[in-house]
C-alpha atoms as a PDB file:
ATOM      1  CA  UNK A   1      17.998 -20.377  21.991  1.00  0.00           C
ATOM      2  CA  UNK A   2      17.486 -19.211  25.564  1.00  0.00           C
ATOM      3  CA  UNK A   3      14.304 -17.287  26.323  1.00  0.00           C
ATOM      4  CA  UNK A   4      13.497 -14.794  29.056  1.00  0.00           C
ATOM      5  CA  UNK A   5      11.236 -15.865  31.878  1.00  0.00           C
ATOM      6  CA  UNK A   6       8.279 -13.476  32.249  1.00  0.00           C
ATOM      7  CA  UNK A   7       8.444 -11.406  35.427  1.00  0.00           C
ATOM      8  CA  UNK A   8       5.415 -10.819  37.645  1.00  0.00           C
ATOM      9  CA  UNK A   9       4.069  -7.278  37.605  1.00  0.00           C
ATOM     10  CA  UNK A  10       3.676  -6.055  41.194  1.00  0.00           C
ATOM     11  CA  UNK A  11       0.988  -3.422  40.704  1.00  0.00           C
ATOM     12  CA  UNK A  12      -1.209  -1.672  38.157  1.00  0.00           C
ATOM     13  CA  UNK A  13      -2.046  -2.479  34.564  1.00  0.00           C
ATOM     14  CA  UNK A  14      -0.908  -1.412  31.063  1.00  0.00           C
ATOM     15  CA  UNK A  15      -2.349   0.498  28.106  1.00  0.00           C
ATOM     16  CA  UNK A  16      -1.189  -0.024  24.511  1.00  0.00           C
ATOM     17  CA  UNK A  17      -2.018   2.696  21.941  1.00  0.00           C
ATOM     18  CA  UNK A  18      -1.401   1.827  18.277  1.00  0.00           C
ATOM     19  CA  UNK A  19      -2.672   1.998  14.694  1.00  0.00           C
ATOM     20  CA  UNK A  20      -3.356  -1.013  12.475  1.00  0.00           C
ATOM     21  CA  UNK A  21      -2.266  -0.385   8.881  1.00  0.00           C
ATOM     22  CA  UNK A  22      -1.846   1.755   5.789  1.00  0.00           C
ATOM     23  CA  UNK A  23      -5.283   1.264   4.255  1.00  0.00           C
ATOM     24  CA  UNK A  24      -8.448   3.314   4.307  1.00  0.00           C
ATOM     25  CA  UNK A  25      -9.587   3.860   7.897  1.00  0.00           C
ATOM     26  CA  UNK A  26      -6.578   2.050   9.401  1.00  0.00           C
ATOM     27  CA  UNK A  27      -4.534   5.118  10.399  1.00  0.00           C
ATOM     28  CA  UNK A  28      -6.554   5.667  13.559  1.00  0.00           C
ATOM     29  CA  UNK A  29      -5.989   5.393  17.313  1.00  0.00           C
ATOM     30  CA  UNK A  30      -6.681   1.982  18.857  1.00  0.00           C
ATOM     31  CA  UNK A  31      -6.377   0.860  22.493  1.00  0.00           C
ATOM     32  CA  UNK A  32      -5.482  -2.490  24.065  1.00  0.00           C
ATOM     33  CA  UNK A  33      -4.959  -3.355  27.738  1.00  0.00           C
ATOM     34  CA  UNK A  34      -2.975  -5.845  29.777  1.00  0.00           C
ATOM     35  CA  UNK A  35      -2.855  -7.032  33.374  1.00  0.00           C
ATOM     36  CA  UNK A  36       0.726  -8.303  33.244  1.00  0.00           C
ATOM     37  CA  UNK A  37       2.558  -6.233  30.596  1.00  0.00           C
ATOM     38  CA  UNK A  38       2.944  -9.254  28.301  1.00  0.00           C
ATOM     39  CA  UNK A  39      -0.526 -10.266  27.164  1.00  0.00           C
ATOM     40  CA  UNK A  40      -2.689  -7.590  25.561  1.00  0.00           C
ATOM     41  CA  UNK A  41      -6.356  -7.596  24.554  1.00  0.00           C
ATOM     42  CA  UNK A  42      -7.811  -4.934  22.230  1.00  0.00           C
ATOM     43  CA  UNK A  43     -10.651  -2.695  23.354  1.00  0.00           C
ATOM     44  CA  UNK A  44     -13.697  -1.786  21.278  1.00  0.00           C
ATOM     45  CA  UNK A  45     -13.381  -4.900  19.114  1.00  0.00           C
ATOM     46  CA  UNK A  46     -10.053  -3.571  17.800  1.00  0.00           C
ATOM     47  CA  UNK A  47     -11.878  -0.619  16.261  1.00  0.00           C
ATOM     48  CA  UNK A  48     -10.679   3.002  16.675  1.00  0.00           C
ATOM     49  CA  UNK A  49     -11.434   4.778  19.940  1.00  0.00           C
ATOM     50  CA  UNK A  50     -10.437   8.278  18.782  1.00  0.00           C
ATOM     51  CA  UNK A  51     -11.230   9.768  15.373  1.00  0.00           C
ATOM     52  CA  UNK A  52      -8.918  12.542  14.205  1.00  0.00           C
ATOM     53  CA  UNK A  53     -10.705  15.642  12.920  1.00  0.00           C
ATOM     54  CA  UNK A  54      -7.796  17.942  12.001  1.00  0.00           C
ATOM     55  CA  UNK A  55      -4.800  17.876   9.672  1.00  0.00           C
ATOM     56  CA  UNK A  56      -4.603  14.773   7.474  1.00  0.00           C
ATOM     57  CA  UNK A  57      -7.359  13.117   9.546  1.00  0.00           C
ATOM     58  CA  UNK A  58      -5.012  10.134   9.749  1.00  0.00           C
ATOM     59  CA  UNK A  59      -2.556   9.371  12.547  1.00  0.00           C
ATOM     60  CA  UNK A  60       0.355   6.951  12.804  1.00  0.00           C
ATOM     61  CA  UNK A  61       2.982   5.995  15.402  1.00  0.00           C
ATOM     62  CA  UNK A  62       1.069   7.150  18.520  1.00  0.00           C
ATOM     63  CA  UNK A  63       2.917   7.687  21.791  1.00  0.00           C
ATOM     64  CA  UNK A  64       0.992   7.871  25.085  1.00  0.00           C
ATOM     65  CA  UNK A  65       2.378   9.169  28.379  1.00  0.00           C
ATOM     66  CA  UNK A  66       1.329  10.704  31.689  1.00  0.00           C
ATOM     67  CA  UNK A  67       1.965  14.396  32.227  1.00  0.00           C
ATOM     68  CA  UNK A  68       3.403  16.173  35.247  1.00  0.00           C
ATOM     69  CA  UNK A  69       0.006  17.085  36.700  1.00  0.00           C
ATOM     70  CA  UNK A  70      -1.615  13.674  36.280  1.00  0.00           C
ATOM     71  CA  UNK A  71      -3.045  14.413  32.849  1.00  0.00           C
ATOM     72  CA  UNK A  72      -2.495  12.150  29.823  1.00  0.00           C
ATOM     73  CA  UNK A  73      -1.167  12.968  26.368  1.00  0.00           C
ATOM     74  CA  UNK A  74      -1.028  11.219  23.015  1.00  0.00           C
ATOM     75  CA  UNK A  75       1.296  12.511  20.318  1.00  0.00           C
ATOM     76  CA  UNK A  76       1.466  11.062  16.829  1.00  0.00           C
ATOM     77  CA  UNK A  77       2.418  11.485  13.176  1.00  0.00           C
ATOM     78  CA  UNK A  78      -0.139  13.528  11.236  1.00  0.00           C
ATOM     79  CA  UNK A  79       0.104  11.537   8.008  1.00  0.00           C
ATOM     80  CA  UNK A  80      -1.900   9.722   5.355  1.00  0.00           C
ATOM     81  CA  UNK A  81       0.500   7.253   3.792  1.00  0.00           C
ATOM     82  CA  UNK A  82      -1.325   7.016   0.455  1.00  0.00           C
ATOM     83  CA  UNK A  83      -0.160  10.593  -0.178  1.00  0.00           C
ATOM     84  CA  UNK A  84       3.458   9.396  -0.052  1.00  0.00           C
ATOM     85  CA  UNK A  85       6.156   8.742   2.529  1.00  0.00           C
ATOM     86  CA  UNK A  86       7.424  12.322   2.277  1.00  0.00           C
ATOM     87  CA  UNK A  87       4.040  14.035   2.427  1.00  0.00           C
ATOM     88  CA  UNK A  88       3.758  14.939   6.096  1.00  0.00           C
ATOM     89  CA  UNK A  89       5.077  17.940   7.964  1.00  0.00           C
ATOM     90  CA  UNK A  90       3.105  17.996  11.208  1.00  0.00           C
ATOM     91  CA  UNK A  91       2.666  16.317  14.571  1.00  0.00           C
ATOM     92  CA  UNK A  92      -0.663  15.932  16.357  1.00  0.00           C
ATOM     93  CA  UNK A  93      -1.451  15.852  20.085  1.00  0.00           C
ATOM     94  CA  UNK A  94      -4.418  15.073  22.335  1.00  0.00           C
ATOM     95  CA  UNK A  95      -4.962  15.544  26.063  1.00  0.00           C
ATOM     96  CA  UNK A  96      -7.146  13.668  28.559  1.00  0.00           C
ATOM     97  CA  UNK A  97      -7.903  13.677  32.260  1.00  0.00           C
ATOM     98  CA  UNK A  98      -9.281  10.138  32.399  1.00  0.00           C
ATOM     99  CA  UNK A  99      -8.043   8.226  29.290  1.00  0.00           C
ATOM    100  CA  UNK A 100     -11.662   8.220  28.046  1.00  0.00           C
ATOM    101  CA  UNK A 101     -12.383  11.781  26.961  1.00  0.00           C
ATOM    102  CA  UNK A 102      -9.708  13.266  24.695  1.00  0.00           C
ATOM    103  CA  UNK A 103      -9.611  16.962  23.864  1.00  0.00           C
ATOM    104  CA  UNK A 104      -7.268  19.782  22.782  1.00  0.00           C
ATOM    105  CA  UNK A 105      -6.611  18.032  19.459  1.00  0.00           C
ATOM    106  CA  UNK A 106      -3.736  20.167  18.164  1.00  0.00           C
ATOM    107  CA  UNK A 107      -1.739  20.173  14.942  1.00  0.00           C
ATOM    108  CA  UNK A 108       1.891  21.213  15.438  1.00  0.00           C
ATOM    109  CA  UNK A 109       2.945  22.059  11.891  1.00  0.00           C
ATOM    110  CA  UNK A 110       6.735  22.076  11.595  1.00  0.00           C
ATOM    111  CA  UNK A 111       6.457  24.167   8.420  1.00  0.00           C
ATOM    112  CA  UNK A 112       5.029  26.995  10.488  1.00  0.00           C
ATOM    113  CA  UNK A 113       8.322  27.384  12.364  1.00  0.00           C
ATOM    114  CA  UNK A 114       9.903  29.501   9.655  1.00  0.00           C
ATOM    115  CA  UNK A 115      12.312  29.462   6.747  1.00  0.00           C
ATOM    116  CA  UNK A 116      14.474  26.576   7.967  1.00  0.00           C
ATOM    117  CA  UNK A 117      11.419  24.319   8.085  1.00  0.00           C
ATOM    118  CA  UNK A 118       9.145  25.417   5.222  1.00  0.00           C
ATOM    119  CA  UNK A 119      10.354  22.496   3.068  1.00  0.00           C
ATOM    120  CA  UNK A 120       9.821  19.823   5.764  1.00  0.00           C
ATOM    121  CA  UNK A 121       9.089  16.439   4.159  1.00  0.00           C
ATOM    122  CA  UNK A 122       8.930  14.221   7.245  1.00  0.00           C
ATOM    123  CA  UNK A 123       7.954  14.685  10.870  1.00  0.00           C
ATOM    124  CA  UNK A 124       7.688  11.058  11.943  1.00  0.00           C
ATOM    125  CA  UNK A 125       7.042   9.047  15.099  1.00  0.00           C
ATOM    126  CA  UNK A 126       7.110  11.791  17.758  1.00  0.00           C
ATOM    127  CA  UNK A 127       7.574  11.036  21.442  1.00  0.00           C
ATOM    128  CA  UNK A 128       7.889  13.222  24.521  1.00  0.00           C
ATOM    129  CA  UNK A 129       9.522  13.134  27.934  1.00  0.00           C
ATOM    130  CA  UNK A 130       9.593  15.549  30.847  1.00  0.00           C
ATOM    131  CA  UNK A 131      12.985  17.213  31.285  1.00  0.00           C
ATOM    132  CA  UNK A 132      13.313  17.970  34.985  1.00  0.00           C
ATOM    133  CA  UNK A 133      16.343  20.214  34.458  1.00  0.00           C
ATOM    134  CA  UNK A 134      14.540  22.397  31.930  1.00  0.00           C
ATOM    135  CA  UNK A 135      11.054  22.206  33.417  1.00  0.00           C
ATOM    136  CA  UNK A 136       9.428  21.455  30.052  1.00  0.00           C
ATOM    137  CA  UNK A 137       8.414  18.515  27.899  1.00  0.00           C
ATOM    138  CA  UNK A 138      11.031  17.519  25.353  1.00  0.00           C
ATOM    139  CA  UNK A 139       9.378  16.416  22.102  1.00  0.00           C
ATOM    140  CA  UNK A 140      11.512  14.487  19.626  1.00  0.00           C
ATOM    141  CA  UNK A 141      10.829  13.039  16.183  1.00  0.00           C
ATOM    142  CA  UNK A 142      12.452  11.958  12.894  1.00  0.00           C
ATOM    143  CA  UNK A 143      12.854  15.033  10.699  1.00  0.00           C
ATOM    144  CA  UNK A 144      13.854  15.686   7.098  1.00  0.00           C
ATOM    145  CA  UNK A 145      13.533  18.469   4.523  1.00  0.00           C
ATOM    146  CA  UNK A 146      13.897  18.713   0.751  1.00  0.00           C
ATOM    147  CA  UNK A 147      17.382  20.176   1.285  1.00  0.00           C
ATOM    148  CA  UNK A 148      18.393  17.546   3.863  1.00  0.00           C
ATOM    149  CA  UNK A 149      16.520  14.447   2.782  1.00  0.00           C
ATOM    150  CA  UNK A 150      18.255  12.044   5.180  1.00  0.00           C
ATOM    151  CA  UNK A 151      16.045  11.838   8.262  1.00  0.00           C
ATOM    152  CA  UNK A 152      17.627  12.533  11.630  1.00  0.00           C
ATOM    153  CA  UNK A 153      16.204  12.841  15.127  1.00  0.00           C
ATOM    154  CA  UNK A 154      15.350  16.401  16.234  1.00  0.00           C
ATOM    155  CA  UNK A 155      13.934  17.763  19.485  1.00  0.00           C
ATOM    156  CA  UNK A 156      12.082  20.820  20.744  1.00  0.00           C
ATOM    157  CA  UNK A 157      10.750  21.872  24.138  1.00  0.00           C
ATOM    158  CA  UNK A 158       7.122  22.543  24.976  1.00  0.00           C
ATOM    159  CA  UNK A 159       5.266  23.745  28.046  1.00  0.00           C
ATOM    160  CA  UNK A 160       1.795  22.689  26.918  1.00  0.00           C
ATOM    161  CA  UNK A 161       2.174  19.989  24.216  1.00  0.00           C
ATOM    162  CA  UNK A 162       0.485  22.426  21.822  1.00  0.00           C
ATOM    163  CA  UNK A 163       3.363  24.709  20.819  1.00  0.00           C
ATOM    164  CA  UNK A 164       7.105  24.069  20.571  1.00  0.00           C
ATOM    165  CA  UNK A 165      10.330  26.037  20.705  1.00  0.00           C
ATOM    166  CA  UNK A 166      12.915  26.093  17.915  1.00  0.00           C
ATOM    167  CA  UNK A 167      13.910  22.483  17.032  1.00  0.00           C
ATOM    168  CA  UNK A 168      17.496  21.290  17.359  1.00  0.00           C
ATOM    169  CA  UNK A 169      19.313  18.135  16.228  1.00  0.00           C
ATOM    170  CA  UNK A 170      19.162  15.327  18.792  1.00  0.00           C
ATOM    171  CA  UNK A 171      20.934  12.504  16.973  1.00  0.00           C
ATOM    172  CA  UNK A 172      21.733  12.520  13.258  1.00  0.00           C
ATOM    173  CA  UNK A 173      24.044  10.378  11.147  1.00  0.00           C
ATOM    174  CA  UNK A 174      25.524  11.596   7.895  1.00  0.00           C
ATOM    175  CA  UNK A 175      23.785  10.011   4.923  1.00  0.00           C
ATOM    176  CA  UNK A 176      21.967   7.365   7.025  1.00  0.00           C
ATOM    177  CA  UNK A 177      18.271   7.444   7.877  1.00  0.00           C
ATOM    178  CA  UNK A 178      17.658   7.579  11.635  1.00  0.00           C
ATOM    179  CA  UNK A 179      14.007   7.226  12.633  1.00  0.00           C
ATOM    180  CA  UNK A 180      11.659   5.924  15.354  1.00  0.00           C
ATOM    181  CA  UNK A 181      13.523   7.305  18.368  1.00  0.00           C
ATOM    182  CA  UNK A 182      12.559   6.077  21.846  1.00  0.00           C
ATOM    183  CA  UNK A 183      14.310   7.274  25.022  1.00  0.00           C
ATOM    184  CA  UNK A 184      14.338   5.345  28.299  1.00  0.00           C
ATOM    185  CA  UNK A 185      16.097   6.354  31.525  1.00  0.00           C
ATOM    186  CA  UNK A 186      18.093   3.751  33.455  1.00  0.00           C
ATOM    187  CA  UNK A 187      18.122   4.718  37.132  1.00  0.00           C
ATOM    188  CA  UNK A 188      20.943   2.265  37.877  1.00  0.00           C
ATOM    189  CA  UNK A 189      23.580   4.042  35.804  1.00  0.00           C
ATOM    190  CA  UNK A 190      21.917   7.449  35.387  1.00  0.00           C
ATOM    191  CA  UNK A 191      22.029   7.269  31.586  1.00  0.00           C
ATOM    192  CA  UNK A 192      19.442   7.959  28.912  1.00  0.00           C
ATOM    193  CA  UNK A 193      19.175   5.217  26.309  1.00  0.00           C
ATOM    194  CA  UNK A 194      18.070   6.342  22.842  1.00  0.00           C
ATOM    195  CA  UNK A 195      16.768   3.440  20.763  1.00  0.00           C
ATOM    196  CA  UNK A 196      16.180   3.910  17.031  1.00  0.00           C
ATOM    197  CA  UNK A 197      15.730   2.016  13.784  1.00  0.00           C
ATOM    198  CA  UNK A 198      19.178   1.063  12.474  1.00  0.00           C
ATOM    199  CA  UNK A 199      18.285   1.466   8.821  1.00  0.00           C
ATOM    200  CA  UNK A 200      21.364  -0.293   7.450  1.00  0.00           C
ATOM    201  CA  UNK A 201      20.106  -3.726   8.468  1.00  0.00           C
ATOM    202  CA  UNK A 202      16.536  -3.051   9.673  1.00  0.00           C
ATOM    203  CA  UNK A 203      17.391  -3.656  13.324  1.00  0.00           C
ATOM    204  CA  UNK A 204      17.125  -1.606  16.524  1.00  0.00           C
ATOM    205  CA  UNK A 205      20.239   0.119  17.890  1.00  0.00           C
ATOM    206  CA  UNK A 206      20.901   2.200  20.999  1.00  0.00           C
ATOM    207  CA  UNK A 207      23.164   5.116  21.952  1.00  0.00           C
ATOM    208  CA  UNK A 208      23.511   6.730  25.379  1.00  0.00           C
ATOM    209  CA  UNK A 209      23.883  10.116  27.062  1.00  0.00           C
ATOM    210  CA  UNK A 210      23.933  11.470  30.609  1.00  0.00           C
ATOM    211  CA  UNK A 211      21.573  14.245  29.494  1.00  0.00           C
ATOM    212  CA  UNK A 212      18.115  13.852  27.964  1.00  0.00           C
ATOM    213  CA  UNK A 213      18.799  16.304  25.144  1.00  0.00           C
ATOM    214  CA  UNK A 214      22.246  14.848  24.463  1.00  0.00           C
ATOM    215  CA  UNK A 215      24.770  14.771  23.023  1.00  0.00           C
ATOM    216  CA  UNK A 216      24.425  11.020  22.527  1.00  0.00           C
ATOM    217  CA  UNK A 217      27.607   9.010  22.082  1.00  0.00           C
ATOM    218  CA  UNK A 218      27.747   8.061  18.419  1.00  0.00           C
ATOM    219  CA  UNK A 219      28.578   4.394  18.936  1.00  0.00           C
ATOM    220  CA  UNK A 220      25.370   2.522  18.035  1.00  0.00           C
ATOM    221  CA  UNK A 221      24.968  -0.915  19.575  1.00  0.00           C
ATOM    222  CA  UNK A 222      22.573  -3.335  17.880  1.00  0.00           C
ATOM    223  CA  UNK A 223      20.198  -4.796  20.475  1.00  0.00           C
ATOM    224  CA  UNK A 224      17.259  -6.324  18.595  1.00  0.00           C
ATOM    225  CA  UNK A 225      17.048 -10.112  18.344  1.00  0.00           C
ATOM    226  CA  UNK A 226      14.113 -10.348  15.924  1.00  0.00           C
ATOM    227  CA  UNK A 227      14.487 -12.762  12.979  1.00  0.00           C
ATOM    228  CA  UNK A 228      13.279 -10.185  10.433  1.00  0.00           C
ATOM    229  CA  UNK A 229      13.230  -6.424   9.924  1.00  0.00           C
ATOM    230  CA  UNK A 230      11.899  -4.303  12.788  1.00  0.00           C
ATOM    231  CA  UNK A 231      11.062  -0.674  13.545  1.00  0.00           C
ATOM    232  CA  UNK A 232       8.986   1.381  15.974  1.00  0.00           C
ATOM    233  CA  UNK A 233      10.573   0.076  19.171  1.00  0.00           C
ATOM    234  CA  UNK A 234       9.711   1.031  22.746  1.00  0.00           C
ATOM    235  CA  UNK A 235      11.179   0.211  26.154  1.00  0.00           C
ATOM    236  CA  UNK A 236       8.814   0.031  29.131  1.00  0.00           C
ATOM    237  CA  UNK A 237       9.165  -1.349  32.677  1.00  0.00           C
ATOM    238  CA  UNK A 238       7.284  -4.160  34.344  1.00  0.00           C
ATOM    239  CA  UNK A 239       5.774  -2.355  37.316  1.00  0.00           C
ATOM    240  CA  UNK A 240       7.662  -2.691  40.582  1.00  0.00           C
ATOM    241  CA  UNK A 241      10.604  -4.609  39.094  1.00  0.00           C
ATOM    242  CA  UNK A 242      13.983  -3.950  37.452  1.00  0.00           C
ATOM    243  CA  UNK A 243      12.770  -5.655  34.263  1.00  0.00           C
ATOM    244  CA  UNK A 244      12.163  -3.765  31.038  1.00  0.00           C
ATOM    245  CA  UNK A 245      10.549  -5.061  27.876  1.00  0.00           C
ATOM    246  CA  UNK A 246      11.669  -3.901  24.439  1.00  0.00           C
ATOM    247  CA  UNK A 247       8.899  -4.288  21.893  1.00  0.00           C
ATOM    248  CA  UNK A 248       9.263  -3.648  18.174  1.00  0.00           C
ATOM    249  CA  UNK A 249       7.078  -3.744  15.090  1.00  0.00           C
ATOM    250  CA  UNK A 250       8.131  -6.725  12.960  1.00  0.00           C
ATOM    251  CA  UNK A 251       6.455  -4.904  10.096  1.00  0.00           C
ATOM    252  CA  UNK A 252       7.056  -7.433   7.329  1.00  0.00           C
ATOM    253  CA  UNK A 253       5.331 -10.151   9.353  1.00  0.00           C
ATOM    254  CA  UNK A 254       2.377  -8.174  10.702  1.00  0.00           C
ATOM    255  CA  UNK A 255       3.328  -8.880  14.312  1.00  0.00           C
ATOM    256  CA  UNK A 256       5.303  -7.556  17.277  1.00  0.00           C
ATOM    257  CA  UNK A 257       8.536  -8.975  18.683  1.00  0.00           C
ATOM    258  CA  UNK A 258       9.317  -8.763  22.411  1.00  0.00           C
ATOM    259  CA  UNK A 259      12.571  -9.110  24.329  1.00  0.00           C
ATOM    260  CA  UNK A 260      13.558  -8.509  27.930  1.00  0.00           C
ATOM    261  CA  UNK A 261      16.395  -6.976  29.939  1.00  0.00           C
ATOM    262  CA  UNK A 262      17.244  -6.195  33.550  1.00  0.00           C
ATOM    263  CA  UNK A 263      20.332  -4.076  32.878  1.00  0.00           C
ATOM    264  CA  UNK A 264      19.841  -2.337  29.463  1.00  0.00           C
ATOM    265  CA  UNK A 265      22.828  -4.308  28.159  1.00  0.00           C
ATOM    266  CA  UNK A 266      21.900  -7.981  27.920  1.00  0.00           C
ATOM    267  CA  UNK A 267      18.658  -9.066  26.281  1.00  0.00           C
ATOM    268  CA  UNK A 268      16.782 -12.312  25.812  1.00  0.00           C
ATOM    269  CA  UNK A 269      13.790 -12.867  23.530  1.00  0.00           C
ATOM    270  CA  UNK A 270      10.436 -13.596  25.104  1.00  0.00           C
ATOM    271  CA  UNK A 271       8.956 -16.832  23.736  1.00  0.00           C
ATOM    272  CA  UNK A 272       5.957 -16.125  21.513  1.00  0.00           C
ATOM    273  CA  UNK A 273       3.726 -18.276  23.701  1.00  0.00           C
ATOM    274  CA  UNK A 274       4.574 -16.006  26.664  1.00  0.00           C
ATOM    275  CA  UNK A 275       3.146 -12.808  25.179  1.00  0.00           C
ATOM    276  CA  UNK A 276       0.112 -11.902  23.107  1.00  0.00           C
ATOM    277  CA  UNK A 277      -0.467  -9.026  20.687  1.00  0.00           C
ATOM    278  CA  UNK A 278      -2.596 -11.022  18.301  1.00  0.00           C
ATOM    279  CA  UNK A 279      -4.559  -8.188  16.738  1.00  0.00           C
ATOM    280  CA  UNK A 280      -2.137  -6.903  14.061  1.00  0.00           C
ATOM    281  CA  UNK A 281      -0.985  -3.686  15.754  1.00  0.00           C
ATOM    282  CA  UNK A 282       1.486  -1.398  14.052  1.00  0.00           C
ATOM    283  CA  UNK A 283       3.966   1.038  15.628  1.00  0.00           C
ATOM    284  CA  UNK A 284       2.556   2.133  18.994  1.00  0.00           C
ATOM    285  CA  UNK A 285       3.437   2.602  22.665  1.00  0.00           C
ATOM    286  CA  UNK A 286       2.706   1.159  26.106  1.00  0.00           C
ATOM    287  CA  UNK A 287       2.259   2.988  29.402  1.00  0.00           C
ATOM    288  CA  UNK A 288       1.554   1.898  32.967  1.00  0.00           C
ATOM    289  CA  UNK A 289      -1.953   2.671  34.237  1.00  0.00           C
ATOM    290  CA  UNK A 290      -3.739   2.107  37.550  1.00  0.00           C
ATOM    291  CA  UNK A 291      -6.292  -0.592  38.291  1.00  0.00           C
ATOM    292  CA  UNK A 292      -8.959   2.137  38.303  1.00  0.00           C
ATOM    293  CA  UNK A 293      -7.822   3.383  34.875  1.00  0.00           C
ATOM    294  CA  UNK A 294      -8.021  -0.178  33.556  1.00  0.00           C
ATOM    295  CA  UNK A 295     -11.520  -0.759  34.912  1.00  0.00           C
ATOM    296  CA  UNK A 296     -12.732   2.526  33.463  1.00  0.00           C
ATOM    297  CA  UNK A 297     -11.309   1.749  30.010  1.00  0.00           C
ATOM    298  CA  UNK A 298     -12.846  -1.720  29.936  1.00  0.00           C
ATOM    299  CA  UNK A 299     -16.190  -0.397  31.144  1.00  0.00           C
ATOM    300  CA  UNK A 300     -16.199   2.223  28.385  1.00  0.00           C
ATOM    301  CA  UNK A 301     -15.062   0.167  25.400  1.00  0.00           C
ATOM    302  CA  UNK A 302     -15.170  -3.493  26.415  1.00  0.00           C
ATOM    303  CA  UNK A 303     -12.530  -6.138  25.734  1.00  0.00           C
END
């Protein structure tokens, strides 16, 4: 099998936010950092760096991103898995100015949105992206209710990452679970690429649209090359290059799988000796940070 050659990052560093498992005390926020986008080292001895105080007091599937005014946000699934896989109905968000001090911990309870949502059974793996045309953040997550038990991807707009507008379907497939959505924008062709867990065969598939909120063309293309079942994928760029990495949680093996693309169409796996996530992370996300951000994080929590 051919493998991708790692590409040199031209500036900055990388932050990985994740949780580590389903057991007691494992549904917490953990941080790891990288200088090259391939090799990550956990901070704080791979112990949590943020302790949730609201909702279920357990968080899964965290997504970290930089806001429009230079602030940082984390959004995650407010869920304690021992209560059951259809026990959650809320998202949770945090805000920070420096990646060290996190505040505005906010529960966004989908049930509170009214009669169409009072029987919500899943609000999973939320992410967010700024929609320039709308001038708001577009939050999206996997959503199901007792009446419509097949999860589909929904979205809602927010100005402050604390409240949301009325949700709408983003991408749903009749009778087929669609979860773990991740949207990346390809500047070369002007399209949004929506990656998700292709539940039929436990792979990652992608659909495209010329608009962030869709509609997405319902012609899923399988892109993952992992040898076993995967979920929780994310696409992120190597700074200063045309190269993107697609990471995914190879959940049955307790490890992550990484592959690489320059065009969003052809992918090659990255050889396991060319990347390191050797601290048993589960579904998380990676964002570019500055050298100063990196130094501050390491000084606070230590590698």
